[in-house]
Amino acid sequence: MQKIFRVMIIVAMLITAYLLILAWRDDYADAPAVDTVPQTATSVGADIPSTTGAAGDIPVQTLPTDAGLAVTVPTASAKDAGLITVTTNRYDIKINPEGGDVVYAALKQYDAKLDGDEPFVLLENDSNRVYVAQSGLIGKDGIDTAEGRANYSHTANSYVMKEGQQTLSVPLTYKKDGVTITKTFTFTHDKYPIDVSYQIQNASTQTWQGQLFAQLKRDDSKDPGMSDKGALSMATYLGGAWGTPDDPYNKLKFGDFSDGELTTTTSDKGWVGIVQHYFVSAWTPENFTGKFFSRETGDEYFIGFNSQPINVAMNKQATLSATLYAGPKVQSELKDVAIGLNQTVDYGLLWPISKILFAILDGIHNIIGNWGWSIIGLTVLVKFALMWFSNKSYYSMAKMRAIAPRLAALKEEHGSDRMKMSQEMMGIYKEEKVNPMAGCLPILMQMPIFLALYWVLVESVELRHAPWILWIQDLSAMDPWFILPLLMGASMFVQQQLNPQPTDPMQAKVMKFLPIIFTAFMLFFPAGLVLYWTVNNLFSMIHQYIVNKKVQEEQKLRTVKVLD
């Protein structure tokens, strides 16, 4: 039984390590890892989605119209102007008047690198990377065609949200053949969602017909969110995603963009996006039905949606809108943008446990204000939650340690008679009320918690660049000095000494090497996870030491009674 007990502990610990490797490999091993410089000179026609392939089977819709609104036509020419800059408390945005695309988005509340002064850049269009949010009007009378994008006029080259201002509107205007189209970006104070609306005022002599498209365009460059995590850090998911109310969250790897997998009809509750480490960009339609699409052109990937064709009668006007989210994967904010978008914080198969752990961790952080101490607090709460099981386990192991001499004597006496030795061992277990298998409970119950917490630390942007004390300045990255992994290995070794030692020489050697193996394994794990495991070991050592002392006292009392 003792052999089985030891083997189960070893297997459980190795399974934990294997599952961690397997979990990230299944999702992320196929992520592109290209070192070449992306090409920015892409033909305009490649950016324009097909009208028939994406929404051609959706009936034409005549939107509710309102002819009473006037449109102010700006005077500045887009051809003579550069990019339009927009500054809010959360964004530094750049909009290209040609097409009205968001070609740059820096997140002011997130540093690009630990202790850096530069904001994290999510969207950009330069020699380093192509990642932009595009939208426009296509179809019969659309202003964005394979021959060229619409050149919008605008009133200013720079917009700044002032203190106390709740919203900021950036209007762009295009006029052709009696039709005036005003594309307006509306930014909200302290919010990431950006409302993008098209007001179509038809002053021509015929009905105007077109479709709204919104898409994300990205090359196959690496995830910049991993740039400060170290060369040996495990990759996280980089690729497309989409959701509808009936099917809230689906991944679509870049390699599958041209496979025709994404042809789903969507409503204003759906979304399409591109996911990377800690951050996501996504489009969601507002008050219309359309179709999702994805495609690949060279080394660039597109994912988006088209509205159904809409009619605007002469002397009428109508408005089409969509929402762009380009920001961190903060669950509390994502859930209000679209159904399932918060699931881009992907905790894997153990997401129910991960969500509970994060909720507890977040609650502790709201009180303490430091994520490192919050992890220690979470560890203590988990230990208390499992106290009953741990106590049974440690009591059983302490008993095993106490009766180890008797078991060794049995082996000497009945070594050649396995049947007799097993019967005598079972008699001792029954007499001492020992269950050898009980020692497996803590590691077996800790395994899913450990795995779930790993995903919490890897996926939660709240812990990005979160400091603890002294040299630990980023709990989501590995310990730069490897001090925590070494402490974890030392604590694991000491804890082994408190356990009954295997009688089998081979098992004893394997157990001695386990702390070394796990120390090497933990060197490149997030410091927060290693902190959890180290503190867990320390509390287990204290608990087990107390139980061992108690069992020793019990054994002494029994010995005294027998002698009396």
Protein backbone atom coordinates (compact mmCIF):
# COMPACT_ATOMS: atom_id res chain seq x y z
CA MET A 1 0.00 0.00 0.00
CA GLN A 2 2.82 2.39 0.81
CA LYS A 3 4.26 1.87 -2.68
CA ILE A 4 0.91 2.68 -4.22
CA PHE A 5 0.62 5.75 -2.01
CA ARG A 6 4.03 7.03 -3.10
CA VAL A 7 3.44 6.31 -6.76
CA MET A 8 0.12 8.18 -6.66
CA ILE A 9 1.76 11.29 -5.20
CA ILE A 10 4.47 11.24 -7.86
CA VAL A 11 1.94 10.67 -10.63
CA ALA A 12 -0.33 13.46 -9.36
CA MET A 13 2.51 15.98 -9.30
CA LEU A 14 3.76 14.97 -12.73
CA ILE A 15 0.24 15.11 -14.14
CA THR A 16 -0.04 18.67 -12.83
CA ALA A 17 3.10 19.62 -14.72
CA TYR A 18 1.98 17.79 -17.85
CA LEU A 19 -1.47 19.38 -17.89
CA LEU A 20 0.03 22.85 -17.61
CA ILE A 21 2.21 22.22 -20.65
CA LEU A 22 -0.61 20.53 -22.58
CA ALA A 23 -3.12 23.29 -21.81
CA TRP A 24 -1.10 26.09 -23.34
CA ARG A 25 0.23 23.97 -26.20
CA ASP A 26 -3.21 23.00 -27.52
CA ASP A 27 -4.25 26.62 -27.97
CA TYR A 28 -1.01 28.38 -28.63
CA ALA A 29 1.48 26.10 -30.35
CA ASP A 30 0.12 27.11 -33.76
CA ALA A 31 0.36 30.86 -33.14
CA PRO A 32 2.41 32.59 -35.82
CA ALA A 33 5.96 33.42 -34.83
CA VAL A 34 7.27 35.46 -37.73
CA ASP A 35 10.37 37.61 -37.46
CA THR A 36 10.11 39.28 -40.83
CA VAL A 37 9.18 42.95 -41.10
CA PRO A 38 5.54 43.26 -42.21
CA GLN A 39 4.74 45.02 -45.44
CA THR A 40 2.53 48.09 -45.14
CA ALA A 41 1.99 48.69 -48.84
CA THR A 42 -1.16 46.66 -49.42
CA SER A 43 -3.57 47.34 -52.25
CA VAL A 44 -6.77 49.08 -51.25
CA GLY A 45 -8.83 46.44 -52.99
CA ALA A 46 -7.59 43.79 -50.58
CA ASP A 47 -9.07 45.75 -47.67
CA ILE A 48 -12.60 45.86 -49.08
CA PRO A 49 -14.78 42.87 -48.16
CA SER A 50 -17.05 41.16 -50.65
CA THR A 51 -20.66 42.31 -50.66
CA THR A 52 -22.08 39.09 -52.06
CA GLY A 53 -20.03 36.62 -50.06
CA ALA A 54 -20.70 38.24 -46.71
CA ALA A 55 -24.23 39.50 -46.79
CA GLY A 56 -25.62 38.94 -50.26
CA ASP A 57 -28.25 36.48 -49.06
CA ILE A 58 -29.69 38.91 -46.50
CA PRO A 59 -32.77 40.81 -47.68
CA VAL A 60 -32.48 44.52 -48.44
CA GLN A 61 -33.74 46.63 -45.55
CA THR A 62 -35.18 50.12 -45.57
CA LEU A 63 -34.12 51.75 -42.32
CA PRO A 64 -36.31 54.18 -40.37
CA THR A 65 -35.49 57.65 -41.69
CA ASP A 66 -35.57 61.20 -40.43
CA ALA A 67 -35.40 64.03 -42.97
CA GLY A 68 -35.38 66.87 -40.46
CA LEU A 69 -31.69 66.84 -39.48
CA ALA A 70 -29.17 69.11 -41.20
CA VAL A 71 -25.59 68.11 -41.87
CA THR A 72 -22.76 70.59 -41.38
CA VAL A 73 -20.15 70.23 -44.10
CA PRO A 74 -16.56 70.86 -42.90
CA THR A 75 -14.24 72.89 -45.05
CA ALA A 76 -10.82 71.27 -44.52
CA SER A 77 -9.76 68.81 -47.20
CA ALA A 78 -8.62 65.33 -46.14
CA LYS A 79 -6.13 65.22 -48.99
CA ASP A 80 -4.18 68.12 -47.51
CA ALA A 81 -4.36 66.94 -43.92
CA GLY A 82 -2.45 64.31 -42.00
CA LEU A 83 -3.82 61.89 -39.46
CA ILE A 84 -6.45 63.12 -37.03
CA THR A 85 -5.35 62.78 -33.40
CA VAL A 86 -7.77 62.20 -30.54
CA THR A 87 -6.84 62.35 -26.86
CA THR A 88 -8.99 61.14 -23.97
CA ASN A 89 -8.11 60.02 -20.46
CA ARG A 90 -7.81 56.44 -21.78
CA TYR A 91 -6.73 56.79 -25.40
CA ASP A 92 -4.28 58.38 -27.76
CA ILE A 93 -5.96 57.70 -31.12
CA LYS A 94 -5.01 58.42 -34.71
CA ILE A 95 -7.60 58.29 -37.49
CA ASN A 96 -6.75 58.26 -41.19
CA PRO A 97 -9.15 60.58 -43.08
CA GLU A 98 -8.75 58.27 -46.08
CA GLY A 99 -11.29 55.61 -45.17
CA GLY A 100 -11.77 56.93 -41.63
CA ASP A 101 -9.86 53.97 -40.14
CA VAL A 102 -8.35 53.87 -36.65
CA VAL A 103 -4.70 53.28 -37.47
CA TYR A 104 -3.20 53.90 -34.02
CA ALA A 105 -4.49 53.34 -30.50
CA ALA A 106 -2.29 53.74 -27.43
CA LEU A 107 -3.74 52.79 -24.03
CA LYS A 108 -2.67 55.53 -21.63
CA GLN A 109 -3.44 53.55 -18.47
CA TYR A 110 -1.09 50.69 -19.41
CA ASP A 111 2.68 50.96 -19.81
CA ALA A 112 4.32 49.25 -22.75
CA LYS A 113 7.06 47.90 -20.48
CA LEU A 114 7.45 47.54 -16.74
CA ASP A 115 8.37 50.91 -15.19
CA GLY A 116 8.28 52.51 -18.64
CA ASP A 117 6.85 55.89 -19.58
CA GLU A 118 5.46 54.92 -22.98
CA PRO A 119 1.85 53.72 -23.20
CA PHE A 120 1.03 50.29 -24.57
CA VAL A 121 0.19 50.52 -28.29
CA LEU A 122 -2.58 48.15 -29.32
CA LEU A 123 -3.33 49.36 -32.86
CA GLU A 124 -0.67 50.66 -35.25
CA ASN A 125 0.23 50.80 -38.92
CA ASP A 126 3.96 51.11 -39.53
CA SER A 127 7.06 49.10 -40.37
CA ASN A 128 6.78 47.16 -37.10
CA ARG A 129 3.22 45.98 -37.32
CA VAL A 130 -0.07 46.34 -39.17
CA TYR A 131 -3.08 46.17 -36.88
CA VAL A 132 -5.95 48.57 -37.64
CA ALA A 133 -9.71 48.90 -37.15
CA GLN A 134 -11.47 49.59 -40.44
CA SER A 135 -15.04 50.45 -41.32
CA GLY A 136 -16.87 51.89 -44.31
CA LEU A 137 -19.80 51.76 -46.70
CA ILE A 138 -19.79 49.33 -49.60
CA GLY A 139 -22.36 47.93 -52.02
CA LYS A 140 -24.27 49.48 -54.91
CA ASP A 141 -23.77 53.12 -53.89
CA GLY A 142 -21.02 52.56 -51.34
CA ILE A 143 -18.18 55.07 -51.05
CA ASP A 144 -15.46 52.48 -50.32
CA THR A 145 -14.56 50.41 -53.36
CA ALA A 146 -11.70 48.31 -54.69
CA GLU A 147 -10.52 51.42 -56.57
CA GLY A 148 -10.18 53.53 -53.44
CA ARG A 149 -11.44 54.52 -50.00
CA ALA A 150 -13.55 57.57 -49.27
CA ASN A 151 -11.56 60.75 -48.58
CA TYR A 152 -13.33 62.49 -45.70
CA SER A 153 -13.29 66.17 -44.88
CA HIS A 154 -12.93 67.24 -41.26
CA THR A 155 -12.97 70.43 -39.21
CA ALA A 156 -9.87 69.86 -37.08
CA ASN A 157 -6.71 67.79 -37.05
CA SER A 158 -6.65 67.37 -33.27
CA TYR A 159 -9.35 66.67 -30.69
CA VAL A 160 -8.83 66.63 -26.92
CA MET A 161 -11.39 65.62 -24.31
CA LYS A 162 -11.32 68.37 -21.71
CA GLU A 163 -11.60 67.90 -17.97
CA GLY A 164 -15.22 67.39 -17.00
CA GLN A 165 -16.25 66.58 -20.59
CA GLN A 166 -18.21 63.33 -20.79
CA THR A 167 -18.21 62.73 -24.55
CA LEU A 168 -16.12 63.83 -27.49
CA SER A 169 -17.34 63.61 -31.10
CA VAL A 170 -15.07 63.51 -34.13
CA PRO A 171 -17.11 64.03 -37.33
CA LEU A 172 -15.84 63.20 -40.82
CA THR A 173 -17.87 64.12 -43.90
CA TYR A 174 -18.04 62.89 -47.47
CA LYS A 175 -20.25 64.27 -50.27
CA LYS A 176 -21.03 62.70 -53.62
CA ASP A 177 -23.90 63.06 -56.12
CA GLY A 178 -26.19 64.77 -53.64
CA VAL A 179 -25.54 62.27 -50.84
CA THR A 180 -23.83 63.52 -47.67
CA ILE A 181 -22.33 60.90 -45.40
CA THR A 182 -21.10 61.86 -41.93
CA LYS A 183 -18.95 59.34 -40.12
CA THR A 184 -18.75 60.21 -36.43
CA PHE A 185 -16.50 58.72 -33.75
CA THR A 186 -17.92 59.27 -30.26
CA PHE A 187 -15.59 58.79 -27.30
CA THR A 188 -16.87 58.56 -23.71
CA HIS A 189 -14.94 59.67 -20.64
CA ASP A 190 -13.32 56.76 -18.77
CA LYS A 191 -14.66 54.22 -21.29
CA TYR A 192 -13.01 52.10 -23.96
CA PRO A 193 -15.99 51.43 -26.30
CA ILE A 194 -16.04 53.88 -29.23
CA ASP A 195 -19.30 54.49 -31.07
CA VAL A 196 -18.83 54.73 -34.84
CA SER A 197 -21.90 55.95 -36.71
CA TYR A 198 -22.70 56.70 -40.36
CA GLN A 199 -25.39 59.26 -41.03
CA ILE A 200 -26.54 59.00 -44.63
CA GLN A 201 -28.48 62.04 -45.90
CA ASN A 202 -29.87 61.44 -49.36
CA ALA A 203 -30.59 64.71 -51.22
CA SER A 204 -30.30 63.04 -54.62
CA THR A 205 -33.11 62.09 -56.98
CA GLN A 206 -32.87 58.34 -56.42
CA THR A 207 -32.76 55.79 -53.61
CA TRP A 208 -29.33 55.19 -52.09
CA GLN A 209 -28.32 51.62 -51.31
CA GLY A 210 -25.26 50.32 -49.47
CA GLN A 211 -23.86 48.22 -46.66
CA LEU A 212 -21.82 48.98 -43.57
CA PHE A 213 -18.73 46.89 -43.03
CA ALA A 214 -16.49 46.83 -39.96
CA GLN A 215 -13.36 44.71 -39.73
CA LEU A 216 -10.03 44.27 -38.01
CA LYS A 217 -6.92 43.92 -40.14
CA ARG A 218 -3.75 42.40 -38.71
CA ASP A 219 -0.51 40.97 -40.02
CA ASP A 220 1.21 37.86 -38.66
CA SER A 221 3.68 39.67 -36.38
CA LYS A 222 4.26 38.47 -32.84
CA ASP A 223 2.18 39.44 -29.83
CA PRO A 224 3.69 42.65 -28.37
CA GLY A 225 2.02 41.86 -25.06
CA MET A 226 4.62 39.12 -24.56
CA SER A 227 7.63 41.33 -25.29
CA ASP A 228 8.56 41.86 -21.62
CA LYS A 229 7.74 38.35 -20.39
CA GLY A 230 11.07 36.76 -21.26
CA ALA A 231 12.10 34.44 -24.07
CA LEU A 232 11.13 31.29 -22.15
CA SER A 233 7.64 32.42 -21.11
CA MET A 234 4.74 30.29 -22.28
CA ALA A 235 2.83 31.74 -25.23
CA THR A 236 -0.75 32.90 -24.90
CA TYR A 237 -3.49 32.85 -27.52
CA LEU A 238 -3.08 35.20 -30.50
CA GLY A 239 -5.83 34.98 -33.10
CA GLY A 240 -9.41 35.71 -34.00
CA ALA A 241 -12.56 35.22 -31.97
CA TRP A 242 -16.27 35.77 -32.39
CA GLY A 243 -19.54 35.31 -30.56
CA THR A 244 -23.32 35.47 -30.82
CA PRO A 245 -26.01 35.27 -28.13
CA ASP A 246 -26.50 31.58 -28.96
CA ASP A 247 -22.78 30.82 -29.24
CA PRO A 248 -21.02 33.41 -27.05
CA TYR A 249 -17.34 32.58 -27.52
CA ASN A 250 -15.40 30.88 -30.30
CA LYS A 251 -11.75 30.99 -31.29
CA LEU A 252 -10.64 31.21 -34.90
CA LYS A 253 -6.90 30.79 -35.41
CA PHE A 254 -5.25 32.88 -38.10
CA GLY A 255 -4.53 29.73 -40.08
CA ASP A 256 -8.29 29.09 -40.35
CA PHE A 257 -9.29 32.55 -41.59
CA SER A 258 -9.52 31.40 -45.21
CA ASP A 259 -11.23 28.07 -44.54
CA GLY A 260 -14.74 29.49 -44.83
CA GLU A 261 -15.50 28.64 -41.20
CA LEU A 262 -16.87 32.07 -40.29
CA THR A 263 -20.09 32.69 -42.19
CA THR A 264 -22.36 33.20 -39.19
CA THR A 265 -25.34 35.54 -39.30
CA THR A 266 -25.23 37.99 -36.42
CA SER A 267 -27.36 40.62 -34.71
CA ASP A 268 -26.52 43.65 -32.57
CA LYS A 269 -25.61 41.25 -29.73
CA GLY A 270 -22.79 39.56 -31.64
CA TRP A 271 -19.12 40.50 -31.97
CA VAL A 272 -15.91 39.71 -33.83
CA GLY A 273 -12.43 40.40 -32.54
CA ILE A 274 -8.72 39.71 -32.42
CA VAL A 275 -7.36 38.46 -29.11
CA GLN A 276 -3.83 38.76 -27.76
CA HIS A 277 -2.20 38.60 -24.35
CA TYR A 278 -4.16 40.85 -21.97
CA PHE A 279 -5.78 42.94 -24.75
CA VAL A 280 -8.54 42.61 -27.33
CA SER A 281 -10.03 44.59 -30.17
CA ALA A 282 -13.59 43.89 -31.26
CA TRP A 283 -16.42 45.22 -33.40
CA THR A 284 -20.08 44.76 -32.52
CA PRO A 285 -23.00 45.90 -34.73
CA GLU A 286 -25.77 48.10 -33.38
CA ASN A 287 -29.42 47.53 -34.29
CA PHE A 288 -28.96 45.60 -37.52
CA THR A 289 -28.45 42.06 -38.75
CA GLY A 290 -25.51 41.09 -40.90
CA LYS A 291 -22.92 38.40 -41.46
CA PHE A 292 -19.51 37.68 -40.01
CA PHE A 293 -16.61 36.96 -42.33
CA SER A 294 -12.92 36.19 -42.20
CA ARG A 295 -10.30 36.04 -44.91
CA GLU A 296 -6.57 35.97 -45.49
CA THR A 297 -4.69 38.07 -48.03
CA GLY A 298 -0.98 37.38 -48.19
CA ASP A 299 0.36 37.81 -44.67
CA GLU A 300 -2.63 39.88 -43.51
CA TYR A 301 -5.77 38.62 -41.79
CA PHE A 302 -9.24 40.17 -41.76
CA ILE A 303 -12.18 39.45 -39.50
CA GLY A 304 -15.37 41.49 -39.42
CA PHE A 305 -19.00 41.77 -40.45
CA ASN A 306 -21.21 43.32 -43.14
CA SER A 307 -24.67 44.72 -42.56
CA GLN A 308 -27.53 43.79 -44.80
CA PRO A 309 -28.02 46.11 -47.80
CA ILE A 310 -30.07 49.12 -46.74
CA ASN A 311 -32.13 51.60 -48.73
CA VAL A 312 -32.36 55.32 -48.00
CA ALA A 313 -35.07 57.00 -50.04
CA MET A 314 -34.48 60.39 -51.68
CA ASN A 315 -34.80 63.37 -49.34
CA LYS A 316 -34.48 61.03 -46.36
CA GLN A 317 -31.69 60.10 -44.04
CA ALA A 318 -30.72 57.09 -41.93
CA THR A 319 -28.00 56.10 -39.49
CA LEU A 320 -25.93 52.92 -39.21
CA SER A 321 -23.74 52.34 -36.15
CA ALA A 322 -21.21 49.93 -34.75
CA THR A 323 -19.11 49.83 -31.57
CA LEU A 324 -15.33 49.44 -31.52
CA TYR A 325 -13.63 48.14 -28.38
CA ALA A 326 -9.84 48.38 -28.30
CA GLY A 327 -8.48 47.87 -24.82
CA PRO A 328 -7.63 45.56 -21.94
CA LYS A 329 -9.45 42.32 -21.20
CA VAL A 330 -11.19 43.60 -18.08
CA GLN A 331 -14.12 41.27 -17.54
CA SER A 332 -16.35 43.83 -15.81
CA GLU A 333 -16.09 46.16 -18.82
CA LEU A 334 -16.22 43.57 -21.60
CA LYS A 335 -19.47 41.99 -20.43
CA ASP A 336 -21.33 45.27 -21.06
CA VAL A 337 -20.06 45.57 -24.64
CA ALA A 338 -21.32 42.27 -26.09
CA ILE A 339 -22.46 38.86 -24.90
CA GLY A 340 -19.47 36.54 -24.56
CA LEU A 341 -16.78 39.19 -25.11
CA ASN A 342 -15.71 38.83 -21.47
CA GLN A 343 -14.85 35.20 -22.25
CA THR A 344 -11.81 36.40 -24.17
CA VAL A 345 -10.32 36.26 -20.67
CA ASP A 346 -9.92 32.58 -21.39
CA TYR A 347 -9.43 30.46 -18.27
CA GLY A 348 -9.64 27.16 -20.16
CA LEU A 349 -11.48 24.03 -19.03
CA LEU A 350 -11.23 24.96 -15.35
CA TRP A 351 -12.86 28.37 -15.87
CA PRO A 352 -15.51 27.90 -13.11
CA ILE A 353 -12.75 27.44 -10.52
CA SER A 354 -10.67 30.23 -12.08
CA LYS A 355 -13.56 32.68 -11.92
CA ILE A 356 -14.15 31.89 -8.25
CA LEU A 357 -10.44 32.26 -7.47
CA PHE A 358 -10.27 35.59 -9.32
CA ALA A 359 -13.39 36.89 -7.57
CA ILE A 360 -11.86 36.03 -4.18
CA LEU A 361 -8.48 37.43 -5.20
CA ASP A 362 -10.07 40.64 -6.47
CA GLY A 363 -12.11 41.00 -3.27
CA ILE A 364 -8.99 40.64 -1.12
CA HIS A 365 -7.15 43.12 -3.33
CA ASN A 366 -9.91 45.68 -2.86
CA ILE A 367 -9.15 45.53 0.87
CA ILE A 368 -5.37 45.07 0.90
CA GLY A 369 -4.41 46.94 -2.28
CA ASN A 370 -1.48 44.66 -3.21
CA TRP A 371 -1.82 41.63 -5.47
CA GLY A 372 1.09 39.76 -3.88
CA TRP A 373 -0.38 39.90 -0.39
CA SER A 374 -3.75 39.11 -1.95
CA ILE A 375 -2.30 35.87 -3.37
CA ILE A 376 -0.99 35.01 0.10
CA GLY A 377 -4.45 35.76 1.52
CA LEU A 378 -6.04 33.53 -1.12
CA THR A 379 -3.58 30.75 -0.23
CA VAL A 380 -4.57 30.98 3.44
CA LEU A 381 -8.28 30.85 2.55
CA VAL A 382 -7.75 27.80 0.33
CA LYS A 383 -5.79 26.09 3.10
CA PHE A 384 -8.61 26.73 5.56
CA ALA A 385 -11.19 25.50 3.04
CA LEU A 386 -9.25 22.24 2.66
CA MET A 387 -8.29 22.03 6.35
CA TRP A 388 -10.43 19.00 7.14
CA PHE A 389 -9.05 16.98 4.24
CA SER A 390 -5.48 18.11 4.93
CA ASN A 391 -5.77 17.22 8.59
CA LYS A 392 -6.95 13.70 7.76
CA SER A 393 -4.11 13.34 5.28
CA TYR A 394 -1.37 14.65 7.58
CA TYR A 395 -2.67 12.54 10.46
CA SER A 396 -2.52 9.46 8.23
CA MET A 397 1.02 10.30 7.06
CA ALA A 398 2.15 10.95 10.63
CA LYS A 399 0.79 7.54 11.62
CA MET A 400 2.61 6.01 8.69
CA ARG A 401 5.80 7.68 9.86
CA ALA A 402 5.25 6.35 13.39
CA ILE A 403 4.64 2.77 12.29
CA ALA A 404 7.43 2.81 9.70
CA PRO A 405 9.76 0.73 11.97
CA ARG A 406 7.07 -1.92 12.39
CA LEU A 407 6.53 -2.06 8.60
CA ALA A 408 10.28 -2.36 8.03
CA ALA A 409 10.39 -5.25 10.53
CA LEU A 410 7.55 -6.95 8.65
CA LYS A 411 9.50 -6.67 5.43
CA GLU A 412 12.50 -8.32 7.09
CA GLU A 413 10.35 -11.06 8.59
CA HIS A 414 8.07 -11.83 5.64
CA GLY A 415 10.02 -10.38 2.72
CA SER A 416 9.67 -13.54 0.61
CA ASP A 417 6.01 -14.11 1.49
CA ARG A 418 4.15 -11.18 -0.05
CA MET A 419 0.72 -12.54 0.87
CA LYS A 420 1.62 -12.88 4.55
CA MET A 421 3.31 -9.48 4.60
CA SER A 422 0.26 -7.81 3.06
CA GLN A 423 -2.04 -9.44 5.63
CA GLU A 424 0.18 -8.30 8.50
CA MET A 425 0.40 -4.76 7.07
CA MET A 426 -3.38 -4.54 6.75
CA GLY A 427 -3.66 -5.69 10.35
CA ILE A 428 -1.33 -2.88 11.49
CA TYR A 429 -3.25 -0.31 9.41
CA LYS A 430 -6.51 -1.46 11.00
CA GLU A 431 -5.05 -1.44 14.48
CA GLU A 432 -3.59 2.06 14.06
CA LYS A 433 -6.61 3.33 12.05
CA VAL A 434 -4.39 4.38 9.19
CA ASN A 435 -5.51 4.92 5.58
CA PRO A 436 -2.39 5.10 3.36
CA MET A 437 -4.40 6.50 0.47
CA ALA A 438 -5.50 9.52 2.53
CA GLY A 439 -2.11 11.11 1.98
CA CYS A 440 -3.01 11.69 -1.67
CA LEU A 441 -5.94 13.97 -0.84
CA PRO A 442 -4.12 17.32 -0.52
CA ILE A 443 -2.15 17.03 -3.76
CA LEU A 444 -5.17 15.71 -5.67
CA MET A 445 -7.39 18.54 -4.40
CA GLN A 446 -4.70 21.18 -4.92
CA MET A 447 -4.07 20.13 -8.52
CA PRO A 448 -7.19 21.75 -10.10
CA ILE A 449 -6.78 24.84 -7.90
CA PHE A 450 -3.15 25.14 -8.96
CA LEU A 451 -4.03 24.81 -12.65
CA ALA A 452 -6.95 27.25 -12.35
CA LEU A 453 -4.81 29.82 -10.56
CA TYR A 454 -2.18 29.51 -13.29
CA TRP A 455 -4.72 30.70 -15.87
CA VAL A 456 -5.89 33.49 -13.57
CA LEU A 457 -2.33 34.82 -13.33
CA VAL A 458 -1.64 34.38 -17.05
CA GLU A 459 -4.92 35.82 -18.35
CA SER A 460 -5.94 38.56 -15.91
CA VAL A 461 -4.72 41.95 -17.09
CA GLU A 462 -5.25 43.26 -13.57
CA LEU A 463 -2.09 41.40 -12.52
CA ARG A 464 -0.01 42.69 -15.45
CA HIS A 465 2.99 44.58 -14.04
CA ALA A 466 1.53 44.11 -10.55
CA PRO A 467 4.31 44.41 -7.92
CA TRP A 468 4.62 42.60 -4.61
CA ILE A 469 7.75 43.49 -2.62
CA LEU A 470 11.45 44.10 -3.22
CA TRP A 471 12.58 42.33 -6.40
CA ILE A 472 9.12 41.05 -7.43
CA GLN A 473 7.74 43.88 -9.55
CA ASP A 474 5.58 41.82 -11.90
CA LEU A 475 3.64 38.89 -10.48
CA SER A 476 2.53 37.81 -13.95
CA ALA A 477 6.15 37.29 -15.08
CA MET A 478 8.83 34.91 -13.86
CA ASP A 479 10.97 35.81 -10.85
CA PRO A 480 13.96 37.66 -12.39
CA TRP A 481 16.31 36.41 -9.66
CA PHE A 482 14.77 32.90 -9.32
CA ILE A 483 14.56 33.39 -5.54
CA LEU A 484 10.93 32.26 -5.16
CA PRO A 485 11.42 29.03 -7.16
CA LEU A 486 14.46 28.16 -5.03
CA LEU A 487 12.49 28.86 -1.83
CA MET A 488 9.67 26.72 -3.20
CA GLY A 489 12.11 23.86 -3.88
CA ALA A 490 13.62 24.18 -0.40
CA SER A 491 10.17 24.15 1.22
CA MET A 492 9.23 21.10 -0.81
CA PHE A 493 12.40 19.31 0.33
CA VAL A 494 11.77 20.13 4.02
CA GLN A 495 8.17 19.02 3.70
CA GLN A 496 9.38 15.67 2.35
CA GLN A 497 11.43 15.15 5.48
CA LEU A 498 8.25 15.42 7.54
CA ASN A 499 6.64 12.63 5.54
CA PRO A 500 7.27 8.91 6.00
CA GLN A 501 10.16 7.88 3.79
CA PRO A 502 9.64 5.15 1.18
CA THR A 503 10.99 1.74 2.05
CA ASP A 504 11.70 1.04 -1.61
CA PRO A 505 15.15 2.46 -2.55
CA MET A 506 14.08 3.44 -6.09
CA GLN A 507 11.04 5.34 -4.82
CA ALA A 508 13.22 7.08 -2.26
CA LYS A 509 15.57 8.31 -5.01
CA VAL A 510 12.66 9.55 -7.14
CA MET A 511 11.19 11.45 -4.18
CA LYS A 512 14.55 13.12 -3.51
CA PHE A 513 14.72 14.36 -7.10
CA LEU A 514 11.15 15.75 -7.17
CA PRO A 515 12.05 19.08 -5.46
CA ILE A 516 14.83 19.60 -8.00
CA ILE A 517 12.55 18.76 -10.92
CA PHE A 518 9.77 21.08 -9.75
CA THR A 519 12.20 23.88 -8.92
CA ALA A 520 13.52 23.76 -12.50
CA PHE A 521 9.96 23.61 -13.78
CA MET A 522 8.90 26.65 -11.72
CA LEU A 523 11.83 28.84 -12.74
CA PHE A 524 9.90 30.24 -15.71
CA PHE A 525 6.40 30.30 -14.26
CA PRO A 526 4.64 33.50 -13.16
CA ALA A 527 6.04 34.69 -9.83
CA GLY A 528 2.51 34.90 -8.44
CA LEU A 529 1.96 31.18 -9.02
CA VAL A 530 5.29 30.28 -7.43
CA LEU A 531 4.39 32.54 -4.49
CA TYR A 532 1.11 30.65 -4.05
CA TRP A 533 2.85 27.25 -4.11
CA THR A 534 5.63 28.37 -1.75
CA VAL A 535 3.22 29.81 0.82
CA ASN A 536 1.06 26.71 0.47
CA ASN A 537 4.12 24.55 1.24
CA LEU A 538 5.05 26.66 4.26
CA PHE A 539 1.57 26.39 5.77
CA SER A 540 1.51 22.66 5.00
CA MET A 541 4.86 22.24 6.77
CA ILE A 542 3.56 24.00 9.89
CA HIS A 543 0.34 22.00 9.84
CA GLN A 544 2.14 18.72 9.30
CA TYR A 545 4.72 19.48 12.01
CA ILE A 546 1.93 20.09 14.52
CA VAL A 547 0.15 16.88 13.53
CA ASN A 548 3.42 14.89 13.70
CA LYS A 549 4.03 16.15 17.25
CA LYS A 550 0.50 15.25 18.26
CA VAL A 551 0.82 11.72 16.86
CA GLN A 552 4.21 11.28 18.58
CA GLU A 553 2.62 12.21 21.90
CA GLU A 554 -0.19 9.75 21.27
CA GLN A 555 2.34 7.01 20.49
CA LYS A 556 4.27 7.77 23.70
CA LEU A 557 1.08 7.56 25.77
CA ARG A 558 0.21 4.23 24.16
CA THR A 559 3.68 2.90 24.87
CA VAL A 560 3.43 3.96 28.54
CA LYS A 561 0.04 2.27 28.89
CA VAL A 562 1.37 -0.96 27.37
CA LEU A 563 4.36 -0.96 29.74
CA ASP A 564 2.08 -0.32 32.71
